[in-house]
Amino acid sequence: MTVEMISTWIAVAGLALSYIADRSNKDKELGRLVQKVEHLEKSVEKVDDLNYQLNQANLHLAKLESKIDILLTMIENKK
């Protein structure tokens, strides 16, 4: 083997190792991104649940206010 062939093989091996390392890093980064997306989805679910609970509380408050208004009207009419 000549020096040129050896250098070519070393260059090819270097490129192959570089490709494998880049691919491994991309896979790790993709895994981290997937975890972040899953975390964000859970956060959105929590926010949606809290929003639903707030809406339900507002509905109950509106009903209570209506009942209080009716009671106050009844009390004022008895005077």
Protein backbone atom coordinates (compact mmCIF):
# COMPACT_ATOMS: atom_id res chain seq x y z
CA MET A 1 0.00 0.00 0.00
CA THR A 2 1.14 3.43 -0.79
CA VAL A 3 1.02 6.42 1.47
CA GLU A 4 -1.77 7.89 -0.66
CA MET A 5 -3.95 4.79 -0.23
CA ILE A 6 -3.36 4.73 3.50
CA SER A 7 -4.28 8.42 3.76
CA THR A 8 -7.41 7.78 1.67
CA TRP A 9 -8.47 4.95 3.96
CA ILE A 10 -7.79 7.06 7.03
CA ALA A 11 -9.84 9.89 5.52
CA VAL A 12 -12.72 7.49 4.71
CA ALA A 13 -12.58 6.03 8.22
CA GLY A 14 -12.57 9.56 9.66
CA LEU A 15 -15.61 10.51 7.60
CA ALA A 16 -17.42 7.35 8.68
CA LEU A 17 -16.64 7.99 12.36
CA SER A 18 -17.67 11.61 11.99
CA TYR A 19 -20.98 10.55 10.40
CA ILE A 20 -21.65 8.04 13.17
CA ALA A 21 -20.85 10.61 15.87
CA ASP A 22 -23.09 13.23 14.22
CA ARG A 23 -25.89 10.72 13.88
CA SER A 24 -25.56 9.75 17.54
CA ASN A 25 -25.63 13.40 18.62
CA LYS A 26 -28.70 14.05 16.47
CA ASP A 27 -30.47 11.05 17.99
CA LYS A 28 -29.69 12.29 21.51
CA GLU A 29 -30.89 15.79 20.63
CA LEU A 30 -34.06 14.37 19.09
CA GLY A 31 -34.67 12.40 22.28
CA ARG A 32 -34.31 15.59 24.35
CA LEU A 33 -36.71 17.42 22.04
CA VAL A 34 -39.26 14.62 22.35
CA GLN A 35 -39.04 14.86 26.14
CA LYS A 36 -39.54 18.64 25.98
CA VAL A 37 -42.58 18.23 23.73
CA GLU A 38 -44.06 15.65 26.11
CA HIS A 39 -43.46 18.02 29.04
CA LEU A 40 -45.12 20.87 27.14
CA GLU A 41 -48.11 18.67 26.28
CA LYS A 42 -48.52 17.79 29.98
CA SER A 43 -48.31 21.48 30.86
CA VAL A 44 -50.98 22.31 28.28
CA GLU A 45 -53.21 19.59 29.73
CA LYS A 46 -52.76 21.07 33.22
CA VAL A 47 -53.59 24.56 31.94
CA ASP A 48 -56.66 23.24 30.12
CA ASP A 49 -57.80 21.46 33.28
CA LEU A 50 -57.31 24.60 35.37
CA ASN A 51 -59.19 26.63 32.77
CA TYR A 52 -62.08 24.17 32.91
CA GLN A 53 -62.15 24.32 36.71
CA LEU A 54 -62.16 28.14 36.63
CA ASN A 55 -65.04 28.13 34.15
CA GLN A 56 -67.00 25.76 36.39
CA ALA A 57 -66.31 27.95 39.42
CA ASN A 58 -67.49 31.02 37.48
CA LEU A 59 -70.72 29.24 36.54
CA HIS A 60 -71.34 28.31 40.19
CA LEU A 61 -70.63 31.88 41.28
CA ALA A 62 -73.06 33.23 38.69
CA LYS A 63 -75.76 30.86 39.98
CA LEU A 64 -75.09 31.92 43.58
CA GLU A 65 -75.22 35.59 42.62
CA SER A 66 -78.54 35.02 40.89
CA LYS A 67 -79.97 33.27 43.96
CA ILE A 68 -78.69 36.02 46.26
CA ASP A 69 -80.28 38.65 44.02
CA ILE A 70 -83.60 36.79 44.16
CA LEU A 71 -83.39 36.53 47.96
CA LEU A 72 -82.56 40.23 48.28
CA THR A 73 -85.48 41.12 46.03
CA MET A 74 -87.80 38.95 48.14
CA ILE A 75 -86.55 40.58 51.36
CA GLU A 76 -86.99 44.08 49.93
CA ASN A 77 -90.51 43.29 48.76
CA LYS A 78 -91.51 42.14 52.29
CA LYS A 79 -90.50 45.48 53.79
